[in-house]
Amino acid sequence: MRRTHARAMHSRYVEGVVIRPLRDGDTHTVLALFQRLGPESRRRRFGGAKTHLSRVELELLARVDAQHHVLVAYADDDPQPAGLARLVRDGSTAEVAFEVADLQQGRGIGTALAEALAADARAAGIGELHATLAGDNACAMSLLARVSRRLRATWLGAERRVVAALE
């Protein structure tokens, strides 16, 4: 499933977004983006307060192999990573997660990442994307709705378990 080339995309608010696969073990890029997330973004992404990533967490988030697919986005006006999209495959389904740097949020980068990740998933024969979201994370819910015409959400306490069917 791993693509080796970069894709140039456009969002409504950013002239050029370059999306490329993360290289296996590229902890530098993962950490650089984590450091660009504020406390609220980290809470929504990781399900609670997260001030740092342990070495093991960093290595896991930078893992790329047959089951782990990660895309990184760069905006033309920013040399640092603007966002990451992760997919962990489990047969014909996959768990997904997205992160967009606070200064880049609301500019269409998350949408570009979600569309690219969904296209890669479809090409790999994945039929459903799953995500566990903070109940108040409307942005992540919106991203999944953009790539699926059938979205199911189940409340689990303060979180939502979302299933997005790919067509």
C-alpha atoms as a PDB file:
ATOM      1  CA  MET A   1       0.000   0.000   0.000  1.00  0.00           C
ATOM      2  CA  ARG A   2       2.934   2.313   0.468  1.00  0.00           C
ATOM      3  CA  ARG A   3       3.299   5.013  -2.150  1.00  0.00           C
ATOM      4  CA  THR A   4       6.775   6.392  -2.669  1.00  0.00           C
ATOM      5  CA  HIS A   5       6.064   9.638  -4.455  1.00  0.00           C
ATOM      6  CA  ALA A   6       4.818  13.026  -3.309  1.00  0.00           C
ATOM      7  CA  ARG A   7       1.477  14.408  -4.454  1.00  0.00           C
ATOM      8  CA  ALA A   8       0.813  18.089  -4.987  1.00  0.00           C
ATOM      9  CA  MET A   9      -2.691  19.033  -3.922  1.00  0.00           C
ATOM     10  CA  HIS A  10      -4.630  22.215  -3.396  1.00  0.00           C
ATOM     11  CA  SER A  11      -6.994  23.171  -0.648  1.00  0.00           C
ATOM     12  CA  ARG A  12      -9.441  26.037  -0.582  1.00  0.00           C
ATOM     13  CA  TYR A  13      -7.073  28.170   1.493  1.00  0.00           C
ATOM     14  CA  VAL A  14      -3.551  26.970   0.720  1.00  0.00           C
ATOM     15  CA  GLU A  15      -2.072  27.417  -2.768  1.00  0.00           C
ATOM     16  CA  GLY A  16       0.009  24.256  -2.635  1.00  0.00           C
ATOM     17  CA  VAL A  17      -0.015  21.300  -0.296  1.00  0.00           C
ATOM     18  CA  VAL A  18       2.553  18.562  -0.837  1.00  0.00           C
ATOM     19  CA  ILE A  19       1.637  15.195   0.639  1.00  0.00           C
ATOM     20  CA  ARG A  20       4.155  12.405   0.770  1.00  0.00           C
ATOM     21  CA  PRO A  21       4.482   9.110   2.606  1.00  0.00           C
ATOM     22  CA  LEU A  22       6.376   9.260   5.871  1.00  0.00           C
ATOM     23  CA  ARG A  23       9.613   7.296   5.764  1.00  0.00           C
ATOM     24  CA  ASP A  24       9.685   4.365   8.200  1.00  0.00           C
ATOM     25  CA  GLY A  25      11.270   5.488  11.455  1.00  0.00           C
ATOM     26  CA  ASP A  26      11.100   9.236  10.681  1.00  0.00           C
ATOM     27  CA  THR A  27      10.621  10.230  14.316  1.00  0.00           C
ATOM     28  CA  HIS A  28      11.965  13.729  13.616  1.00  0.00           C
ATOM     29  CA  THR A  29       8.925  14.629  11.470  1.00  0.00           C
ATOM     30  CA  VAL A  30       6.466  13.054  13.929  1.00  0.00           C
ATOM     31  CA  LEU A  31       8.004  14.962  16.850  1.00  0.00           C
ATOM     32  CA  ALA A  32       8.156  18.223  14.888  1.00  0.00           C
ATOM     33  CA  LEU A  33       4.413  18.048  14.246  1.00  0.00           C
ATOM     34  CA  PHE A  34       3.611  16.981  17.820  1.00  0.00           C
ATOM     35  CA  GLN A  35       5.439  20.080  19.055  1.00  0.00           C
ATOM     36  CA  ARG A  36       3.200  22.233  16.820  1.00  0.00           C
ATOM     37  CA  LEU A  37       0.048  20.923  18.515  1.00  0.00           C
ATOM     38  CA  GLY A  38      -1.330  22.953  21.404  1.00  0.00           C
ATOM     39  CA  PRO A  39      -2.837  21.376  24.534  1.00  0.00           C
ATOM     40  CA  GLU A  40      -6.373  21.281  23.079  1.00  0.00           C
ATOM     41  CA  SER A  41      -5.226  19.669  19.809  1.00  0.00           C
ATOM     42  CA  ARG A  42      -3.238  17.085  21.758  1.00  0.00           C
ATOM     43  CA  ARG A  43      -6.234  16.314  23.983  1.00  0.00           C
ATOM     44  CA  ARG A  44      -8.467  15.779  20.982  1.00  0.00           C
ATOM     45  CA  ARG A  45      -5.892  13.688  19.106  1.00  0.00           C
ATOM     46  CA  PHE A  46      -4.614  11.548  21.985  1.00  0.00           C
ATOM     47  CA  GLY A  47      -7.723  11.424  24.207  1.00  0.00           C
ATOM     48  CA  GLY A  48      -6.234  13.351  27.122  1.00  0.00           C
ATOM     49  CA  ALA A  49      -3.464  15.651  28.278  1.00  0.00           C
ATOM     50  CA  LYS A  50      -0.225  14.748  26.504  1.00  0.00           C
ATOM     51  CA  THR A  51       2.831  16.898  27.180  1.00  0.00           C
ATOM     52  CA  HIS A  52       5.364  14.638  25.479  1.00  0.00           C
ATOM     53  CA  LEU A  53       5.793  11.418  23.537  1.00  0.00           C
ATOM     54  CA  SER A  54       7.848   8.607  25.020  1.00  0.00           C
ATOM     55  CA  ARG A  55      10.514   6.994  22.861  1.00  0.00           C
ATOM     56  CA  VAL A  56       8.267   3.946  22.367  1.00  0.00           C
ATOM     57  CA  GLU A  57       5.262   6.107  21.389  1.00  0.00           C
ATOM     58  CA  LEU A  58       7.394   8.098  18.963  1.00  0.00           C
ATOM     59  CA  GLU A  59       8.728   4.942  17.315  1.00  0.00           C
ATOM     60  CA  LEU A  60       5.218   3.489  17.031  1.00  0.00           C
ATOM     61  CA  LEU A  61       3.836   6.693  15.478  1.00  0.00           C
ATOM     62  CA  ALA A  62       6.727   6.727  12.960  1.00  0.00           C
ATOM     63  CA  ARG A  63       6.256   3.082  11.978  1.00  0.00           C
ATOM     64  CA  VAL A  64       5.556   2.439   8.304  1.00  0.00           C
ATOM     65  CA  ASP A  65       5.134  -1.104   6.987  1.00  0.00           C
ATOM     66  CA  ALA A  66       2.527  -3.334   5.338  1.00  0.00           C
ATOM     67  CA  GLN A  67      -0.063  -2.522   8.044  1.00  0.00           C
ATOM     68  CA  HIS A  68       0.990   1.062   8.961  1.00  0.00           C
ATOM     69  CA  HIS A  69       0.608   3.819   6.356  1.00  0.00           C
ATOM     70  CA  VAL A  70       1.408   7.436   7.250  1.00  0.00           C
ATOM     71  CA  LEU A  71       1.133  10.555   5.090  1.00  0.00           C
ATOM     72  CA  VAL A  72       2.757  13.887   5.930  1.00  0.00           C
ATOM     73  CA  ALA A  73       1.613  17.225   4.501  1.00  0.00           C
ATOM     74  CA  TYR A  74       3.602  20.395   3.932  1.00  0.00           C
ATOM     75  CA  ALA A  75       2.098  23.766   3.030  1.00  0.00           C
ATOM     76  CA  ASP A  76       3.948  25.978   0.545  1.00  0.00           C
ATOM     77  CA  ASP A  77       4.314  28.774   3.066  1.00  0.00           C
ATOM     78  CA  ASP A  78       5.685  26.570   5.891  1.00  0.00           C
ATOM     79  CA  PRO A  79       8.871  24.436   5.929  1.00  0.00           C
ATOM     80  CA  GLN A  80       7.681  22.417   8.961  1.00  0.00           C
ATOM     81  CA  PRO A  81       5.193  19.531   8.670  1.00  0.00           C
ATOM     82  CA  ALA A  82       1.635  20.873   8.567  1.00  0.00           C
ATOM     83  CA  GLY A  83      -0.174  17.592   9.233  1.00  0.00           C
ATOM     84  CA  LEU A  84      -0.073  13.819   9.460  1.00  0.00           C
ATOM     85  CA  ALA A  85      -2.613  11.141   8.595  1.00  0.00           C
ATOM     86  CA  ARG A  86      -2.206   7.593   9.890  1.00  0.00           C
ATOM     87  CA  LEU A  87      -3.813   4.334   8.867  1.00  0.00           C
ATOM     88  CA  VAL A  88      -3.333   0.999  10.625  1.00  0.00           C
ATOM     89  CA  ARG A  89      -4.714  -1.821   8.519  1.00  0.00           C
ATOM     90  CA  ASP A  90      -6.610  -4.780   9.941  1.00  0.00           C
ATOM     91  CA  GLY A  91      -7.693  -6.871   6.968  1.00  0.00           C
ATOM     92  CA  SER A  92     -10.244  -4.936   4.906  1.00  0.00           C
ATOM     93  CA  THR A  93     -10.673  -2.232   7.569  1.00  0.00           C
ATOM     94  CA  ALA A  94      -8.292   0.320   9.059  1.00  0.00           C
ATOM     95  CA  GLU A  95      -8.041   2.590  12.084  1.00  0.00           C
ATOM     96  CA  VAL A  96      -7.214   6.192  11.147  1.00  0.00           C
ATOM     97  CA  ALA A  97      -6.028   9.315  12.955  1.00  0.00           C
ATOM     98  CA  PHE A  98      -5.231  12.853  11.829  1.00  0.00           C
ATOM     99  CA  GLU A  99      -3.148  15.710  13.224  1.00  0.00           C
ATOM    100  CA  VAL A 100      -2.858  19.236  11.848  1.00  0.00           C
ATOM    101  CA  ALA A 101      -0.538  21.869  13.316  1.00  0.00           C
ATOM    102  CA  ASP A 102      -2.474  24.537  15.198  1.00  0.00           C
ATOM    103  CA  LEU A 103      -1.289  27.327  12.895  1.00  0.00           C
ATOM    104  CA  GLN A 104      -2.431  25.363   9.834  1.00  0.00           C
ATOM    105  CA  GLN A 105      -5.896  24.325  11.068  1.00  0.00           C
ATOM    106  CA  GLY A 106      -8.900  25.536   9.116  1.00  0.00           C
ATOM    107  CA  ARG A 107      -6.952  25.829   5.850  1.00  0.00           C
ATOM    108  CA  GLY A 108      -8.017  22.568   4.185  1.00  0.00           C
ATOM    109  CA  ILE A 109      -4.873  20.581   4.999  1.00  0.00           C
ATOM    110  CA  GLY A 110      -6.789  17.998   7.031  1.00  0.00           C
ATOM    111  CA  THR A 111      -9.212  17.549   4.144  1.00  0.00           C
ATOM    112  CA  ALA A 112      -6.370  17.077   1.654  1.00  0.00           C
ATOM    113  CA  LEU A 113      -4.782  14.483   3.963  1.00  0.00           C
ATOM    114  CA  ALA A 114      -8.093  12.666   4.522  1.00  0.00           C
ATOM    115  CA  GLU A 115      -8.787  12.498   0.794  1.00  0.00           C
ATOM    116  CA  ALA A 116      -5.276  11.207   0.021  1.00  0.00           C
ATOM    117  CA  LEU A 117      -5.422   8.634   2.828  1.00  0.00           C
ATOM    118  CA  ALA A 118      -8.881   7.444   1.722  1.00  0.00           C
ATOM    119  CA  ALA A 119      -7.655   7.125  -1.889  1.00  0.00           C
ATOM    120  CA  ASP A 120      -4.693   5.027  -0.732  1.00  0.00           C
ATOM    121  CA  ALA A 121      -7.017   2.894   1.422  1.00  0.00           C
ATOM    122  CA  ARG A 122      -9.419   2.294  -1.472  1.00  0.00           C
ATOM    123  CA  ALA A 123      -6.514   1.352  -3.755  1.00  0.00           C
ATOM    124  CA  ALA A 124      -5.367  -1.170  -1.134  1.00  0.00           C
ATOM    125  CA  GLY A 125      -8.825  -2.767  -0.938  1.00  0.00           C
ATOM    126  CA  ILE A 126      -9.801  -1.278   2.418  1.00  0.00           C
ATOM    127  CA  GLY A 127     -13.585  -0.879   2.675  1.00  0.00           C
ATOM    128  CA  GLU A 128     -14.002   0.872   6.038  1.00  0.00           C
ATOM    129  CA  LEU A 129     -12.128   3.403   8.109  1.00  0.00           C
ATOM    130  CA  HIS A 130     -12.550   3.417  11.892  1.00  0.00           C
ATOM    131  CA  ALA A 131     -11.683   6.141  14.380  1.00  0.00           C
ATOM    132  CA  THR A 132     -12.211   6.833  18.051  1.00  0.00           C
ATOM    133  CA  LEU A 133     -12.806  10.548  18.531  1.00  0.00           C
ATOM    134  CA  ALA A 134     -13.207  12.878  21.464  1.00  0.00           C
ATOM    135  CA  GLY A 135     -16.919  13.603  21.600  1.00  0.00           C
ATOM    136  CA  ASP A 136     -16.329  17.310  20.925  1.00  0.00           C
ATOM    137  CA  ASN A 137     -14.008  16.777  17.950  1.00  0.00           C
ATOM    138  CA  ALA A 138     -16.316  18.036  15.210  1.00  0.00           C
ATOM    139  CA  CYS A 139     -13.388  18.662  12.840  1.00  0.00           C
ATOM    140  CA  ALA A 140     -12.322  15.010  12.790  1.00  0.00           C
ATOM    141  CA  MET A 141     -15.936  13.929  12.317  1.00  0.00           C
ATOM    142  CA  SER A 142     -16.205  16.338   9.387  1.00  0.00           C
ATOM    143  CA  LEU A 143     -13.006  14.950   7.805  1.00  0.00           C
ATOM    144  CA  LEU A 144     -14.389  11.424   7.862  1.00  0.00           C
ATOM    145  CA  ALA A 145     -17.728  12.607   6.496  1.00  0.00           C
ATOM    146  CA  ARG A 146     -15.919  14.133   3.509  1.00  0.00           C
ATOM    147  CA  VAL A 147     -14.464  10.786   2.434  1.00  0.00           C
ATOM    148  CA  SER A 148     -17.520   8.620   3.100  1.00  0.00           C
ATOM    149  CA  ARG A 149     -21.164   8.707   2.133  1.00  0.00           C
ATOM    150  CA  ARG A 150     -22.067   6.301   4.952  1.00  0.00           C
ATOM    151  CA  LEU A 151     -20.866   7.334   8.366  1.00  0.00           C
ATOM    152  CA  ARG A 152     -21.918   5.580  11.581  1.00  0.00           C
ATOM    153  CA  ALA A 153     -21.080   6.890  15.034  1.00  0.00           C
ATOM    154  CA  THR A 154     -21.570   5.205  18.401  1.00  0.00           C
ATOM    155  CA  TRP A 155     -21.066   7.004  21.697  1.00  0.00           C
ATOM    156  CA  LEU A 156     -18.696   5.357  24.186  1.00  0.00           C
ATOM    157  CA  GLY A 157     -18.784   7.626  27.224  1.00  0.00           C
ATOM    158  CA  ALA A 158     -17.218  10.927  26.170  1.00  0.00           C
ATOM    159  CA  GLU A 159     -15.868   9.423  22.931  1.00  0.00           C
ATOM    160  CA  ARG A 160     -17.388   8.484  19.608  1.00  0.00           C
ATOM    161  CA  ARG A 161     -16.478   5.367  17.696  1.00  0.00           C
ATOM    162  CA  VAL A 162     -16.886   6.234  14.006  1.00  0.00           C
ATOM    163  CA  VAL A 163     -17.045   3.907  11.016  1.00  0.00           C
ATOM    164  CA  ALA A 164     -16.695   5.477   7.560  1.00  0.00           C
ATOM    165  CA  ALA A 165     -17.562   3.217   4.637  1.00  0.00           C
ATOM    166  CA  LEU A 166     -15.403   3.775   1.568  1.00  0.00           C
ATOM    167  CA  GLU A 167     -17.110   3.407  -1.808  1.00  0.00           C
END
